[in-house]
Amino acid sequence: MLNKNVSRREFIKQNSLTGLSAVITPSLLTNSLSSPAAPLPESLGPVLLTSSDKPALLGGAPIRLKGWTTWPIWNPETDEKQLLDVVRSGIWSRSAVTTEFEQKWAQALGAKRSLLVVNGTNALITALTQLDVRAGDEVLVPPYTFTATVAAVLATGAMPIFVDVDPETFQIDPAKIEAKITPRTKAILPVHILGLPADMNRILPIAQKHKLVVIEDACQAHLAEINHQKVGTFGHAGCFSFQNSKNLSIGEGGAIVSNDDSFMDRCFSYQNFGNPYNAGVGSVSVGSVMQGTKLRITDYQAAIGLAQLKRLDAQTTTRNENAAYLKAQIQAIPGIVPYKLYDDVTRAAFHLFPFRYQQEGFKGLSRDGFLKALRAEGIPCSSGYATLNNQPYLNDAFQSKNFRKAYPKEMLDFRGYVEQNQCPQNDKLCNQEAVWFTQNMLLGSKSDMADIAAAIEKVHKNADQLTKLSEK
């Protein structure tokens, strides 16, 4: 008889590949494979199971054979007119379409102003420099983030100081911040990593107490909220990325948001060769009023962003609904510990769906073995970030002429630096526990989420066999 732990839909998909499809009518098989949400009969009659529970790595049929929502999404009928208008206009550098995107992005976040730049990394660099973070300063950062966060700090000449994470939320742990503050500390750079909001209601009072600048790295957190306020609008500035994988994709691009007009004027000048605020593109006679660089974005990139922005709110809702559904499906599986949101989070962005994998719940199956087994079932997954607080890129910066001039020798001793910046919770996440699913997977159906859960359950059920296989 049909195993009670195997859904009818899962049975149909698996056994269509194992010689048992004769018990299923052709129309039912077609519906099952092409329309996962199609209704199934209440009874399939007596059947024999052969390999439905066998892991794909051991010769069983995969849980999932079809792909996932492709990314980025582009609809020619609705998205191409404005882009083609820009291309045909010949006005390809920064102009009116860029300004339109900035206004609409600020409006979407509830911020006063927004500035588009070439990428999220340079959004961070611009914000840091225009809030006077310079060589000799220290900036508190989490170790669980993309390398761009730390690269931006190093680009200013400042020293990144790592504050360990809260492993339940994957975010910087506010309880560990004050111990890392020194007379050199100038800023806190919380990262809403994975699209899950950091605990800003605990971070901001610490910053205020010590008179520190707060710059939010919200590069993965488009439209995420704390108490219905968008992340990126809590600190002195918020920075976003529109790189190809991001929830709002332009291919490359970034933005700074703030309610501080003076700061935003400086940011505008900085990204336009230091020319006065609102100096036109191509101006050569106005003269520069500050040290600057060229970080201007193009109007055709902004046109792509405007098309994506129209879908962002609805997509964010879908990601949240599917993330909650998937979390409910897997949280009772031993060894699976899904993300936790802080109590005041009213919406996450879910650029990634994270959970912690604990191999003792899977008969000692390593994380690598788990990931390999899950991928064989048709479920893309990743172990995520490597540790950032002990990599050679830091020592490379420390040995540069500028760092050697700005800091005493003992601060640039790499072994001593690594010792003082140990982050054991982050080490565990990076090296043993973290597992990710990408945001495009969360744009699918509930049936897609059920496939992910079924694959994890299948790996768990067969953990003994998979552990033996991984040990060979």
Protein backbone atom coordinates (compact mmCIF):
# COMPACT_ATOMS: atom_id res chain seq x y z
CA MET A 1 0.00 0.00 0.00
CA LEU A 2 1.01 3.62 -0.44
CA ASN A 3 3.40 4.59 2.34
CA LYS A 4 1.57 7.07 4.57
CA ASN A 5 4.71 9.24 4.72
CA VAL A 6 4.77 9.66 0.93
CA SER A 7 2.32 12.13 -0.61
CA ARG A 8 0.26 11.01 -3.59
CA ARG A 9 1.88 13.72 -5.68
CA GLU A 10 5.35 12.60 -4.62
CA PHE A 11 4.43 8.99 -5.39
CA ILE A 12 3.32 9.87 -8.91
CA LYS A 13 6.46 11.84 -9.70
CA GLN A 14 8.80 9.21 -8.34
CA ASN A 15 7.20 6.09 -9.67
CA SER A 16 6.63 7.41 -13.15
CA LEU A 17 10.36 6.79 -13.44
CA THR A 18 10.49 3.37 -11.82
CA GLY A 19 8.25 1.24 -13.97
CA LEU A 20 5.09 1.70 -11.89
CA SER A 21 3.46 4.32 -14.07
CA ALA A 22 1.13 1.61 -15.41
CA VAL A 23 -1.04 2.06 -12.32
CA ILE A 24 -1.52 5.78 -13.17
CA THR A 25 -3.63 7.00 -16.04
CA PRO A 26 -1.74 9.02 -18.70
CA SER A 27 -3.79 12.14 -17.98
CA LEU A 28 -3.06 11.99 -14.27
CA LEU A 29 0.65 11.55 -14.92
CA THR A 30 0.67 14.54 -17.26
CA ASN A 31 -1.13 16.73 -14.74
CA SER A 32 1.24 15.70 -12.00
CA LEU A 33 4.36 16.59 -13.90
CA SER A 34 3.24 19.75 -15.66
CA SER A 35 0.82 21.21 -13.11
CA PRO A 36 2.01 20.48 -9.55
CA ALA A 37 -1.11 22.04 -8.04
CA ALA A 38 -3.53 19.83 -10.02
CA PRO A 39 -6.01 17.96 -7.77
CA LEU A 40 -5.36 14.26 -7.21
CA PRO A 41 -7.88 11.48 -6.62
CA GLU A 42 -8.51 10.45 -3.04
CA SER A 43 -7.48 6.87 -3.75
CA LEU A 44 -4.85 5.47 -6.04
CA GLY A 45 -5.69 1.86 -5.25
CA PRO A 46 -3.21 -0.77 -4.09
CA VAL A 47 0.34 -0.22 -5.37
CA LEU A 48 3.80 -1.56 -4.67
CA LEU A 49 6.65 0.76 -3.77
CA THR A 50 10.12 -0.04 -5.00
CA SER A 51 12.37 3.03 -4.89
CA SER A 52 10.12 5.90 -3.85
CA ASP A 53 11.93 6.28 -0.54
CA LYS A 54 15.41 5.60 -1.90
CA PRO A 55 17.67 8.67 -2.11
CA ALA A 56 18.53 9.80 -5.61
CA LEU A 57 22.19 9.44 -4.69
CA LEU A 58 21.54 5.73 -4.16
CA GLY A 59 19.61 5.21 -7.37
CA GLY A 60 16.15 6.35 -6.34
CA ALA A 61 13.99 8.78 -8.26
CA PRO A 62 14.54 12.48 -7.43
CA ILE A 63 11.79 14.34 -5.64
CA ARG A 64 11.87 17.06 -8.30
CA LEU A 65 12.58 16.93 -12.01
CA LYS A 66 11.56 20.39 -13.18
CA GLY A 67 13.33 23.69 -12.70
CA TRP A 68 12.59 26.79 -10.65
CA THR A 69 11.44 30.32 -11.34
CA THR A 70 14.05 31.92 -13.59
CA TRP A 71 15.71 35.15 -12.51
CA PRO A 72 15.72 37.97 -13.34
CA ILE A 73 12.18 38.26 -14.68
CA TRP A 74 11.59 40.30 -17.82
CA ASN A 75 8.21 40.79 -19.51
CA PRO A 76 8.70 42.30 -22.97
CA GLU A 77 5.08 43.43 -23.24
CA THR A 78 5.19 45.56 -20.08
CA ASP A 79 8.89 46.23 -19.52
CA GLU A 80 10.45 47.20 -22.81
CA LYS A 81 8.76 50.44 -23.90
CA GLN A 82 10.54 52.78 -21.48
CA LEU A 83 13.87 51.02 -22.03
CA LEU A 84 13.54 51.32 -25.81
CA ASP A 85 12.48 54.95 -25.47
CA VAL A 86 15.70 55.66 -23.57
CA VAL A 87 17.85 53.78 -26.07
CA ARG A 88 16.25 55.57 -29.02
CA SER A 89 16.54 58.97 -27.33
CA GLY A 90 20.32 58.88 -27.30
CA ILE A 91 20.30 60.18 -23.71
CA TRP A 92 22.08 57.24 -22.17
CA SER A 93 23.91 58.77 -19.22
CA ARG A 94 22.30 59.98 -16.01
CA SER A 95 19.20 62.08 -16.73
CA ALA A 96 15.43 62.24 -16.13
CA VAL A 97 14.78 58.48 -15.97
CA THR A 98 17.42 58.07 -13.27
CA THR A 99 15.78 60.88 -11.29
CA GLU A 100 12.41 59.18 -11.72
CA PHE A 101 13.75 55.93 -10.30
CA GLU A 102 15.35 57.75 -7.36
CA GLN A 103 12.08 59.46 -6.51
CA LYS A 104 10.08 56.24 -6.73
CA TRP A 105 12.65 54.25 -4.74
CA ALA A 106 12.65 56.86 -1.97
CA GLN A 107 8.85 56.81 -1.98
CA ALA A 108 8.77 53.00 -1.77
CA LEU A 109 10.99 53.12 1.32
CA GLY A 110 9.40 56.14 2.97
CA ALA A 111 12.70 58.04 2.72
CA LYS A 112 13.11 61.69 1.79
CA ARG A 113 15.78 61.16 -0.85
CA SER A 114 17.55 58.49 -2.85
CA LEU A 115 20.68 58.52 -5.02
CA LEU A 116 21.51 55.90 -7.63
CA VAL A 117 25.14 54.83 -8.09
CA VAL A 118 26.91 52.10 -10.01
CA ASN A 119 26.62 49.33 -7.37
CA GLY A 120 25.89 48.59 -3.73
CA THR A 121 29.58 48.47 -2.80
CA ASN A 122 30.10 52.03 -3.98
CA ALA A 123 26.87 53.08 -2.29
CA LEU A 124 28.51 51.97 0.97
CA ILE A 125 31.81 53.67 0.15
CA THR A 126 30.03 56.91 -0.72
CA ALA A 127 27.96 56.86 2.47
CA LEU A 128 30.97 56.08 4.65
CA THR A 129 33.15 58.80 3.16
CA GLN A 130 30.42 61.44 3.30
CA LEU A 131 29.82 60.62 6.95
CA ASP A 132 33.54 61.30 7.48
CA VAL A 133 34.74 57.74 8.03
CA ARG A 134 38.43 57.86 7.20
CA ALA A 135 41.84 56.30 7.82
CA GLY A 136 42.46 55.84 11.52
CA ASP A 137 38.79 55.11 12.29
CA GLU A 138 37.23 51.79 13.23
CA VAL A 139 33.90 50.54 11.90
CA LEU A 140 31.97 47.74 13.63
CA VAL A 141 30.76 45.11 11.15
CA PRO A 142 29.25 41.62 11.35
CA PRO A 143 31.35 38.73 10.02
CA TYR A 144 28.33 37.07 8.38
CA THR A 145 28.01 39.12 5.22
CA PHE A 146 29.24 39.39 1.65
CA THR A 147 32.82 40.60 1.31
CA ALA A 148 31.66 43.91 -0.21
CA THR A 149 30.63 45.19 3.24
CA VAL A 150 34.17 44.89 4.55
CA ALA A 151 35.74 45.95 1.25
CA ALA A 152 33.85 49.23 1.48
CA VAL A 153 35.25 49.90 4.95
CA LEU A 154 38.80 49.11 3.82
CA ALA A 155 38.38 51.38 0.78
CA THR A 156 37.95 54.37 3.10
CA GLY A 157 41.13 53.48 4.98
CA ALA A 158 39.14 52.55 8.09
CA MET A 159 39.68 49.38 10.12
CA PRO A 160 36.85 46.80 10.20
CA ILE A 161 36.18 45.41 13.66
CA PHE A 162 34.09 42.25 13.69
CA VAL A 163 31.18 41.71 16.10
CA ASP A 164 29.93 38.13 16.30
CA VAL A 165 26.42 37.12 15.24
CA ASP A 166 23.25 35.91 16.84
CA PRO A 167 23.11 32.46 15.18
CA GLU A 168 19.32 32.22 15.46
CA THR A 169 18.83 35.28 13.25
CA PHE A 170 22.17 35.32 11.34
CA GLN A 171 22.47 39.02 12.29
CA ILE A 172 25.02 41.07 14.22
CA ASP A 173 24.49 40.46 17.95
CA PRO A 174 23.70 43.77 19.71
CA ALA A 175 24.74 42.28 23.06
CA LYS A 176 28.34 42.04 21.78
CA ILE A 177 28.67 45.51 20.28
CA GLU A 178 29.69 47.67 23.24
CA ALA A 179 32.62 45.42 24.13
CA LYS A 180 34.14 46.23 20.72
CA ILE A 181 33.85 50.03 20.97
CA THR A 182 37.14 51.93 21.39
CA PRO A 183 38.11 55.62 21.12
CA ARG A 184 38.75 54.97 17.41
CA THR A 185 35.23 53.65 16.74
CA LYS A 186 33.40 55.94 14.34
CA ALA A 187 30.51 53.89 12.96
CA ILE A 188 28.36 50.78 13.22
CA LEU A 189 27.53 49.09 9.93
CA PRO A 190 24.72 46.60 10.61
CA VAL A 191 23.88 44.33 7.68
CA HIS A 192 20.34 43.08 7.10
CA ILE A 193 21.89 39.95 5.71
CA LEU A 194 19.85 37.44 3.71
CA GLY A 195 17.02 39.99 3.69
CA LEU A 196 16.30 39.44 7.40
CA PRO A 197 16.29 42.67 9.44
CA ALA A 198 18.95 43.26 12.07
CA ASP A 199 17.89 44.32 15.57
CA MET A 200 17.91 48.07 14.92
CA ASN A 201 15.88 48.88 18.05
CA ARG A 202 18.80 47.65 20.16
CA ILE A 203 21.60 48.90 17.90
CA LEU A 204 20.46 52.52 17.63
CA PRO A 205 20.51 53.32 21.38
CA ILE A 206 24.06 51.95 21.58
CA ALA A 207 25.10 54.18 18.69
CA GLN A 208 23.43 57.21 20.27
CA LYS A 209 25.07 56.52 23.63
CA HIS A 210 28.53 56.45 22.07
CA LYS A 211 27.84 59.10 19.38
CA LEU A 212 28.46 56.71 16.51
CA VAL A 213 27.30 56.94 12.92
CA VAL A 214 24.95 54.15 11.75
CA ILE A 215 25.01 53.09 8.11
CA GLU A 216 22.66 50.24 7.20
CA ASP A 217 23.82 47.73 4.64
CA ALA A 218 20.40 46.83 3.25
CA CYS A 219 21.80 45.52 -0.04
CA GLN A 220 19.83 42.27 0.36
CA ALA A 221 16.81 43.68 2.19
CA HIS A 222 14.56 45.47 -0.30
CA LEU A 223 11.23 46.43 1.39
CA ALA A 224 11.99 44.58 4.63
CA GLU A 225 10.39 46.24 7.67
CA ILE A 226 10.75 46.69 11.40
CA ASN A 227 7.49 47.88 13.00
CA HIS A 228 6.28 48.76 9.48
CA GLN A 229 9.28 51.04 8.85
CA LYS A 230 11.52 50.04 5.93
CA VAL A 231 15.06 49.00 6.72
CA GLY A 232 17.61 51.43 5.38
CA THR A 233 15.71 54.34 6.94
CA PHE A 234 16.71 53.86 10.59
CA GLY A 235 20.33 55.03 10.54
CA HIS A 236 22.07 58.05 9.10
CA ALA A 237 22.01 56.32 5.71
CA GLY A 238 20.88 53.09 4.08
CA CYS A 239 22.52 51.36 1.13
CA PHE A 240 20.98 48.98 -1.40
CA SER A 241 22.21 46.81 -4.25
CA PHE A 242 20.51 46.08 -7.56
CA GLN A 243 23.01 43.48 -8.74
CA ASN A 244 21.67 40.69 -10.93
CA SER A 245 20.75 38.26 -8.12
CA LYS A 246 19.09 40.86 -5.91
CA ASN A 247 15.33 41.03 -5.31
CA LEU A 248 15.28 44.15 -7.47
CA SER A 249 17.69 43.47 -10.30
CA ILE A 250 19.22 45.93 -12.73
CA GLY A 251 22.27 43.79 -13.49
CA GLU A 252 24.47 46.24 -11.59
CA GLY A 253 23.46 49.25 -9.57
CA GLY A 254 23.07 50.59 -6.06
CA ALA A 255 21.35 53.31 -4.07
CA ILE A 256 21.80 55.44 -0.97
CA VAL A 257 18.78 56.70 0.96
CA SER A 258 18.59 59.26 3.73
CA ASN A 259 16.45 62.06 5.16
CA ASP A 260 19.52 64.31 5.58
CA ASP A 261 19.61 66.82 2.70
CA SER A 262 23.12 68.03 3.39
CA PHE A 263 24.48 64.48 3.43
CA MET A 264 22.66 63.57 0.22
CA ASP A 265 23.96 66.72 -1.50
CA ARG A 266 27.49 65.65 -0.61
CA CYS A 267 26.85 62.13 -1.88
CA PHE A 268 25.57 63.54 -5.18
CA SER A 269 28.68 65.67 -5.56
CA TYR A 270 30.99 62.78 -4.67
CA GLN A 271 29.52 60.50 -7.37
CA ASN A 272 29.80 63.28 -9.97
CA PHE A 273 33.51 64.24 -9.76
CA GLY A 274 32.93 66.45 -6.74
CA ASN A 275 30.97 68.96 -8.82
CA PRO A 276 28.38 71.08 -6.97
CA TYR A 277 25.07 69.40 -6.22
CA ASN A 278 22.87 69.14 -9.30
CA ALA A 279 25.66 70.06 -11.71
CA GLY A 280 24.71 68.56 -15.03
CA VAL A 281 26.30 65.48 -16.54
CA GLY A 282 29.17 66.55 -18.74
CA SER A 283 29.73 69.89 -17.02
CA VAL A 284 33.36 70.95 -17.43
CA SER A 285 33.39 74.58 -16.36
CA VAL A 286 31.66 74.61 -12.96
CA GLY A 287 34.66 73.46 -10.93
CA SER A 288 34.73 70.78 -8.25
CA VAL A 289 33.88 71.69 -4.67
CA MET A 290 35.10 68.47 -3.02
CA GLN A 291 37.13 65.35 -3.67
CA GLY A 292 34.98 63.07 -5.78
CA THR A 293 34.83 60.25 -8.27
CA LYS A 294 32.59 59.05 -11.07
CA LEU A 295 29.88 56.64 -9.93
CA ARG A 296 27.00 57.79 -12.13
CA ILE A 297 24.48 55.24 -13.35
CA THR A 298 22.76 55.33 -16.76
CA ASP A 299 19.18 56.07 -17.74
CA TYR A 300 18.73 52.72 -19.46
CA GLN A 301 19.72 50.95 -16.24
CA ALA A 302 17.17 53.08 -14.39
CA ALA A 303 14.53 52.09 -16.96
CA ILE A 304 15.19 48.42 -16.19
CA GLY A 305 14.93 49.20 -12.48
CA LEU A 306 11.58 50.96 -12.90
CA ALA A 307 10.19 47.87 -14.63
CA GLN A 308 11.39 45.64 -11.80
CA LEU A 309 10.13 48.02 -9.11
CA LYS A 310 6.54 47.60 -10.29
CA ARG A 311 6.66 43.91 -9.29
CA LEU A 312 8.76 44.15 -6.15
CA ASP A 313 6.02 44.58 -3.55
CA ALA A 314 3.95 41.64 -4.81
CA GLN A 315 7.06 39.47 -5.13
CA THR A 316 8.09 40.35 -1.58
CA THR A 317 4.67 39.24 -0.33
CA THR A 318 5.00 35.95 -2.21
CA ARG A 319 8.46 35.33 -0.77
CA ASN A 320 7.23 35.98 2.76
CA GLU A 321 4.22 33.69 2.35
CA ASN A 322 6.29 30.86 0.88
CA ALA A 323 9.05 31.28 3.45
CA ALA A 324 6.54 31.00 6.29
CA TYR A 325 4.97 27.94 4.67
CA LEU A 326 8.32 26.23 4.09
CA LYS A 327 9.48 27.04 7.61
CA ALA A 328 6.34 25.41 9.03
CA GLN A 329 6.95 22.31 6.91
CA ILE A 330 10.57 21.71 7.98
CA GLN A 331 10.92 23.08 11.50
CA ALA A 332 9.95 19.82 13.18
CA ILE A 333 12.55 17.78 11.29
CA PRO A 334 15.34 16.87 13.74
CA GLY A 335 18.55 18.67 12.82
CA ILE A 336 16.80 21.50 10.93
CA VAL A 337 16.66 24.89 12.69
CA PRO A 338 15.06 27.55 10.44
CA TYR A 339 15.81 31.27 10.67
CA LYS A 340 14.27 33.35 13.43
CA LEU A 341 12.95 36.88 12.93
CA TYR A 342 13.11 39.42 15.73
CA ASP A 343 9.73 40.09 17.33
CA ASP A 344 9.41 43.58 15.84
CA VAL A 345 10.01 42.46 12.25
CA THR A 346 6.81 43.05 10.30
CA ARG A 347 8.20 41.98 6.92
CA ALA A 348 11.37 40.32 5.70
CA ALA A 349 12.79 40.44 2.17
CA PHE A 350 14.06 36.84 2.00
CA HIS A 351 16.82 37.39 -0.49
CA LEU A 352 17.78 33.98 0.84
CA PHE A 353 15.93 31.39 2.93
CA PRO A 354 18.39 30.23 5.61
CA PHE A 355 18.38 27.47 8.17
CA ARG A 356 20.93 25.82 10.40
CA TYR A 357 21.79 22.20 9.71
CA GLN A 358 22.84 20.12 12.72
CA GLN A 359 24.36 16.84 11.64
CA GLU A 360 23.60 15.04 14.90
CA GLY A 361 19.95 15.13 13.83
CA PHE A 362 20.93 13.35 10.60
CA LYS A 363 22.90 10.41 12.03
CA GLY A 364 26.17 12.29 11.67
CA LEU A 365 25.72 13.11 7.97
CA SER A 366 28.02 16.05 7.23
CA ARG A 367 26.66 19.29 5.87
CA ASP A 368 28.45 18.64 2.59
CA GLY A 369 26.81 15.22 2.44
CA PHE A 370 23.42 16.75 3.17
CA LEU A 371 23.82 19.39 0.45
CA LYS A 372 24.94 16.79 -2.08
CA ALA A 373 21.94 14.57 -1.28
CA LEU A 374 19.52 17.50 -1.46
CA ARG A 375 20.87 18.65 -4.83
CA ALA A 376 20.48 15.11 -6.17
CA GLU A 377 16.78 15.35 -5.26
CA GLY A 378 16.47 18.40 -7.53
CA ILE A 379 16.76 21.06 -4.80
CA PRO A 380 19.45 23.74 -5.38
CA CYS A 381 21.13 24.74 -2.12
CA SER A 382 24.26 26.37 -0.79
CA SER A 383 26.40 26.43 2.35
CA GLY A 384 26.71 30.20 2.08
CA TYR A 385 29.52 32.47 3.18
CA ALA A 386 33.08 31.70 4.18
CA THR A 387 34.44 33.42 7.28
CA LEU A 388 35.52 37.02 6.57
CA ASN A 389 37.37 37.88 9.76
CA ASN A 390 40.53 35.83 9.11
CA GLN A 391 41.13 36.02 5.35
CA PRO A 392 44.33 37.23 3.64
CA TYR A 393 42.60 40.23 2.02
CA LEU A 394 42.67 41.95 5.42
CA ASN A 395 46.42 41.53 5.81
CA ASP A 396 46.89 42.73 2.25
CA ALA A 397 45.18 45.99 3.20
CA PHE A 398 47.07 46.24 6.49
CA GLN A 399 50.42 46.00 4.69
CA SER A 400 49.58 48.82 2.28
CA LYS A 401 51.40 52.13 2.62
CA ASN A 402 48.26 54.02 3.63
CA PHE A 403 47.36 51.63 6.45
CA ARG A 404 50.94 51.59 7.73
CA LYS A 405 50.87 55.38 7.91
CA ALA A 406 47.45 55.55 9.62
CA TYR A 407 47.78 52.85 12.31
CA PRO A 408 50.39 51.84 14.86
CA LYS A 409 52.33 48.68 14.07
CA GLU A 410 50.64 46.60 16.75
CA MET A 411 47.20 47.21 15.21
CA LEU A 412 48.43 45.84 11.89
CA ASP A 413 49.83 42.61 13.31
CA PHE A 414 47.59 40.17 11.47
CA ARG A 415 47.84 37.31 13.95
CA GLY A 416 46.96 39.63 16.79
CA TYR A 417 44.10 41.14 14.78
CA VAL A 418 42.59 37.73 14.02
CA GLU A 419 42.88 36.74 17.68
CA GLN A 420 41.06 39.90 18.79
CA ASN A 421 38.37 39.48 16.13
CA GLN A 422 37.38 35.90 16.73
CA CYS A 423 33.71 35.17 16.10
CA PRO A 424 32.96 31.58 17.19
CA GLN A 425 29.24 31.72 16.44
CA ASN A 426 29.97 32.91 12.92
CA ASP A 427 32.61 30.18 12.50
CA LYS A 428 29.99 27.59 13.31
CA LEU A 429 27.49 29.07 10.86
CA CYS A 430 30.00 29.31 8.03
CA ASN A 431 31.86 26.06 8.55
CA GLN A 432 29.20 23.68 9.84
CA GLU A 433 25.60 24.81 9.89
CA ALA A 434 24.30 27.39 7.39
CA VAL A 435 22.19 26.25 4.41
CA TRP A 436 20.52 28.58 1.91
CA PHE A 437 17.81 28.51 -0.73
CA THR A 438 17.78 31.44 -3.17
CA GLN A 439 15.02 34.05 -3.45
CA ASN A 440 13.79 32.94 -6.87
CA MET A 441 12.82 29.55 -5.40
CA LEU A 442 10.45 31.40 -3.05
CA LEU A 443 8.57 32.85 -6.02
CA GLY A 444 7.14 29.43 -6.85
CA SER A 445 4.02 27.67 -5.61
CA LYS A 446 3.19 25.98 -2.32
CA SER A 447 3.75 22.73 -4.19
CA ASP A 448 7.32 23.86 -4.91
CA MET A 449 7.83 24.49 -1.19
CA ALA A 450 6.38 21.05 -0.47
CA ASP A 451 8.99 19.55 -2.81
CA ILE A 452 11.77 21.18 -0.79
CA ALA A 453 10.31 19.88 2.47
CA ALA A 454 9.79 16.40 1.02
CA ALA A 455 13.40 16.30 -0.15
CA ILE A 456 14.69 17.26 3.29
CA GLU A 457 12.44 14.65 4.91
CA LYS A 458 13.69 12.04 2.45
CA VAL A 459 17.32 12.81 3.22
CA HIS A 460 16.57 12.69 6.93
CA LYS A 461 14.80 9.33 6.61
CA ASN A 462 17.78 7.85 4.79
CA ALA A 463 20.52 9.59 6.76
CA ASP A 464 22.12 6.28 7.84
CA GLN A 465 22.64 5.12 4.26
CA LEU A 466 23.77 8.55 3.08
CA THR A 467 26.29 8.82 5.94
CA LYS A 468 27.80 5.48 4.97
CA LEU A 469 27.96 6.61 1.33
CA SER A 470 29.70 9.87 2.23
CA GLU A 471 32.28 7.99 4.31
CA LYS A 472 33.35 5.78 1.42
